[in-house]
Amino acid sequence: MNLYFRLILVLFLAFRRAKMTDILETGLLNFHVLPTDLDMNIHMNNGRYMTLMDLGRLDLIIRNGLIWLMIKRGYMPVLASAKIRFRLPLPPFQAYRLETEVVCWDDKWVFMEQRFVITKGKKAGAIAAIAIVKGGFFDRKTKTTVPTPELLSQLGMLQDSPPIPAHIIEWQRAEEALKTKTST
């Protein structure tokens, strides 16, 4: 149930926070680990990280204006892949910040990094977990993925992608190898 409250809070705040005019701007959300986030090891459940990452991406979608394109044009956000590395546990009631930022893009996909940063205590500033995700927007009318340059143009964000970092290139190589396991 707590995720519904967090969703409502993120929606409420995103529409009231400053609009993002730079696709590379970092979105910041502050949370605490709640008892319902815990697993049997008494730290945040690994699945909860992924769900909270959805909220970080939703904040970006609203604040950079993509929400209006989604409504107007029938676009739907899709996530194609995610990779997460857990470094430090987040215990009950730990304060942390979820940082979400676009790193780069190609013609079809946007690559984002999402970090869970401890904000209080002895480990303040440490990254508890870091993830990279590959997502885009699906056009329900044409049944195709919206090309990233077209999407950015519709937002008035006319810029080239930063260079694709080596760790994302390597991750995509692993993704291509894994993709053969799902092909029939």
Protein backbone atom coordinates (compact mmCIF):
# COMPACT_ATOMS: atom_id res chain seq x y z
CA MET A 1 0.00 0.00 0.00
CA ASN A 2 2.87 2.41 0.74
CA LEU A 3 3.81 2.51 -2.94
CA TYR A 4 0.42 3.99 -3.79
CA PHE A 5 1.08 6.78 -1.30
CA ARG A 6 4.56 7.30 -2.73
CA LEU A 7 3.12 7.33 -6.26
CA ILE A 8 0.55 9.97 -5.30
CA LEU A 9 3.27 12.00 -3.57
CA VAL A 10 5.60 11.81 -6.58
CA LEU A 11 2.76 12.81 -8.93
CA PHE A 12 1.73 15.70 -6.70
CA LEU A 13 5.26 17.03 -6.27
CA ALA A 14 6.39 16.50 -9.87
CA PHE A 15 3.71 18.82 -11.21
CA ARG A 16 4.75 21.48 -8.67
CA ARG A 17 8.53 21.24 -9.07
CA ALA A 18 10.57 23.15 -11.62
CA LYS A 19 10.20 21.96 -15.20
CA MET A 20 13.26 20.26 -16.67
CA THR A 21 14.42 21.87 -19.90
CA ASP A 22 17.62 19.84 -20.28
CA ILE A 23 17.24 16.14 -21.03
CA LEU A 24 20.47 15.51 -19.11
CA GLU A 25 19.26 17.11 -15.86
CA THR A 26 19.24 14.79 -12.84
CA GLY A 27 15.95 14.06 -11.10
CA LEU A 28 16.13 13.76 -7.31
CA LEU A 29 13.60 12.07 -5.02
CA ASN A 30 14.05 11.60 -1.27
CA PHE A 31 12.68 8.55 0.52
CA HIS A 32 13.04 6.49 3.70
CA VAL A 33 13.07 2.71 3.90
CA LEU A 34 9.67 1.75 5.29
CA PRO A 35 8.87 -1.51 7.13
CA THR A 36 6.89 -2.70 4.10
CA ASP A 37 10.04 -2.33 1.95
CA LEU A 38 11.93 -4.95 3.95
CA ASP A 39 12.79 -8.55 3.17
CA MET A 40 13.56 -11.31 5.67
CA ASN A 41 17.14 -9.98 6.02
CA ILE A 42 15.64 -6.76 7.44
CA HIS A 43 16.89 -4.51 4.67
CA MET A 44 15.24 -3.15 1.55
CA ASN A 45 14.03 -5.95 -0.70
CA ASN A 46 15.83 -6.19 -4.04
CA GLY A 47 12.53 -6.04 -5.94
CA ARG A 48 11.56 -2.80 -4.20
CA TYR A 49 14.52 -1.01 -5.79
CA MET A 50 13.12 -1.66 -9.25
CA THR A 51 9.66 -0.44 -8.29
CA LEU A 52 11.05 2.76 -6.76
CA MET A 53 13.12 3.31 -9.91
CA ASP A 54 9.80 3.49 -11.80
CA LEU A 55 8.90 6.48 -9.63
CA GLY A 56 12.20 8.19 -10.48
CA ARG A 57 11.53 7.78 -14.19
CA LEU A 58 7.93 8.98 -13.75
CA ASP A 59 9.23 12.15 -12.08
CA LEU A 60 11.44 12.81 -15.14
CA ILE A 61 8.57 12.09 -17.56
CA ILE A 62 6.35 14.64 -15.85
CA ARG A 63 8.97 17.31 -15.26
CA ASN A 64 10.40 17.28 -18.79
CA GLY A 65 6.96 17.40 -20.42
CA LEU A 66 6.87 13.88 -21.83
CA ILE A 67 3.63 13.22 -19.94
CA TRP A 68 1.76 15.60 -22.27
CA LEU A 69 3.18 13.88 -25.38
CA MET A 70 2.14 10.53 -23.93
CA ILE A 71 -1.42 11.75 -23.43
CA LYS A 72 -1.66 13.66 -26.72
CA ARG A 73 -0.03 11.08 -28.99
CA GLY A 74 -0.82 7.82 -27.25
CA TYR A 75 2.77 7.03 -26.27
CA MET A 76 3.51 4.49 -23.60
CA PRO A 77 6.83 4.26 -21.73
CA VAL A 78 8.52 0.88 -22.06
CA LEU A 79 11.56 -0.54 -20.35
CA ALA A 80 13.56 -2.98 -22.44
CA SER A 81 16.26 -3.90 -19.96
CA ALA A 82 17.70 -3.12 -16.55
CA LYS A 83 20.92 -3.96 -14.72
CA ILE A 84 21.36 -3.24 -11.03
CA ARG A 85 24.32 -3.62 -8.68
CA PHE A 86 23.69 -3.73 -4.94
CA ARG A 87 26.56 -2.37 -2.88
CA LEU A 88 25.28 -1.50 0.61
CA PRO A 89 22.10 -2.57 2.40
CA LEU A 90 19.42 -0.01 3.19
CA PRO A 91 18.15 -0.80 6.71
CA PRO A 92 14.77 0.18 8.16
CA PHE A 93 14.05 3.93 8.18
CA GLN A 94 17.30 4.76 6.37
CA ALA A 95 17.02 8.05 4.47
CA TYR A 96 18.17 7.90 0.86
CA ARG A 97 17.95 9.85 -2.37
CA LEU A 98 17.03 8.31 -5.70
CA GLU A 99 18.95 10.05 -8.49
CA THR A 100 17.72 9.47 -12.04
CA GLU A 101 19.49 10.80 -15.09
CA VAL A 102 19.64 10.23 -18.81
CA VAL A 103 23.20 9.22 -19.74
CA CYS A 104 22.91 8.88 -23.51
CA TRP A 105 20.67 7.61 -26.30
CA ASP A 106 20.63 6.04 -29.72
CA ASP A 107 17.99 6.11 -32.44
CA LYS A 108 15.67 3.79 -30.53
CA TRP A 109 16.61 3.73 -26.84
CA VAL A 110 17.37 6.08 -23.96
CA PHE A 111 19.92 4.86 -21.41
CA MET A 112 19.50 6.08 -17.84
CA GLU A 113 21.42 5.66 -14.63
CA GLN A 114 19.60 5.46 -11.31
CA ARG A 115 21.45 5.66 -8.00
CA PHE A 116 20.28 5.06 -4.43
CA VAL A 117 22.41 7.40 -2.32
CA ILE A 118 22.43 7.23 1.47
CA THR A 119 21.69 10.70 2.83
CA LYS A 120 22.05 10.34 6.63
CA GLY A 121 24.30 8.54 9.06
CA LYS A 122 27.89 7.34 8.93
CA LYS A 123 27.62 6.34 5.27
CA ALA A 124 25.98 9.55 4.02
CA GLY A 125 26.93 10.12 0.39
CA ALA A 126 27.63 6.44 -0.31
CA ILE A 127 25.86 4.74 -3.20
CA ALA A 128 23.83 1.82 -1.86
CA ALA A 129 22.81 0.58 -5.32
CA ILE A 130 23.28 1.69 -8.90
CA ALA A 131 21.32 0.66 -11.98
CA ILE A 132 21.31 1.29 -15.69
CA VAL A 133 18.12 0.98 -17.67
CA LYS A 134 17.24 1.03 -21.35
CA GLY A 135 13.85 2.44 -22.21
CA GLY A 136 11.86 4.21 -24.84
CA PHE A 137 8.34 5.09 -25.86
CA PHE A 138 5.92 2.88 -27.75
CA ASP A 139 3.40 4.52 -30.06
CA ARG A 140 0.14 2.63 -29.54
CA LYS A 141 -1.30 3.95 -32.82
CA THR A 142 1.54 2.86 -35.10
CA LYS A 143 2.61 -0.09 -32.91
CA THR A 144 6.25 1.02 -33.15
CA THR A 145 8.89 2.47 -30.87
CA VAL A 146 9.14 6.25 -31.23
CA PRO A 147 12.61 7.17 -32.57
CA THR A 148 14.56 9.02 -29.88
CA PRO A 149 15.49 12.01 -32.12
CA GLU A 150 11.80 12.44 -33.00
CA LEU A 151 10.83 12.30 -29.34
CA LEU A 152 13.45 14.89 -28.35
CA SER A 153 12.41 17.12 -31.24
CA GLN A 154 8.80 17.03 -30.05
CA LEU A 155 10.06 18.15 -26.63
CA GLY A 156 12.11 20.97 -28.16
CA MET A 157 15.30 19.37 -26.86
CA LEU A 158 17.44 19.44 -29.95
CA GLN A 159 20.80 18.04 -28.96
CA ASP A 160 23.07 15.16 -29.78
CA SER A 161 23.61 12.31 -27.37
CA PRO A 162 26.70 12.39 -25.21
CA PRO A 163 29.14 9.60 -26.12
CA ILE A 164 27.93 6.17 -25.02
CA PRO A 165 30.07 5.15 -22.00
CA ALA A 166 32.11 1.96 -22.20
CA HIS A 167 30.10 0.23 -19.44
CA ILE A 168 26.87 0.72 -21.42
CA ILE A 169 28.50 -0.55 -24.63
CA GLU A 170 29.66 -3.67 -22.78
CA TRP A 171 26.25 -4.12 -21.17
CA GLN A 172 24.60 -3.93 -24.59
CA ARG A 173 26.96 -6.64 -25.89
CA ALA A 174 25.85 -8.88 -23.03
CA GLU A 175 22.23 -7.96 -23.79
CA GLU A 176 22.63 -9.04 -27.42
CA ALA A 177 24.02 -12.38 -26.30
CA LEU A 178 21.16 -12.84 -23.84
CA LYS A 179 18.63 -11.85 -26.49
CA THR A 180 19.43 -15.04 -28.40
CA LYS A 181 18.06 -16.99 -25.41
CA THR A 182 14.62 -15.39 -25.90
CA SER A 183 14.44 -15.64 -29.68
CA THR A 184 12.34 -18.43 -31.13
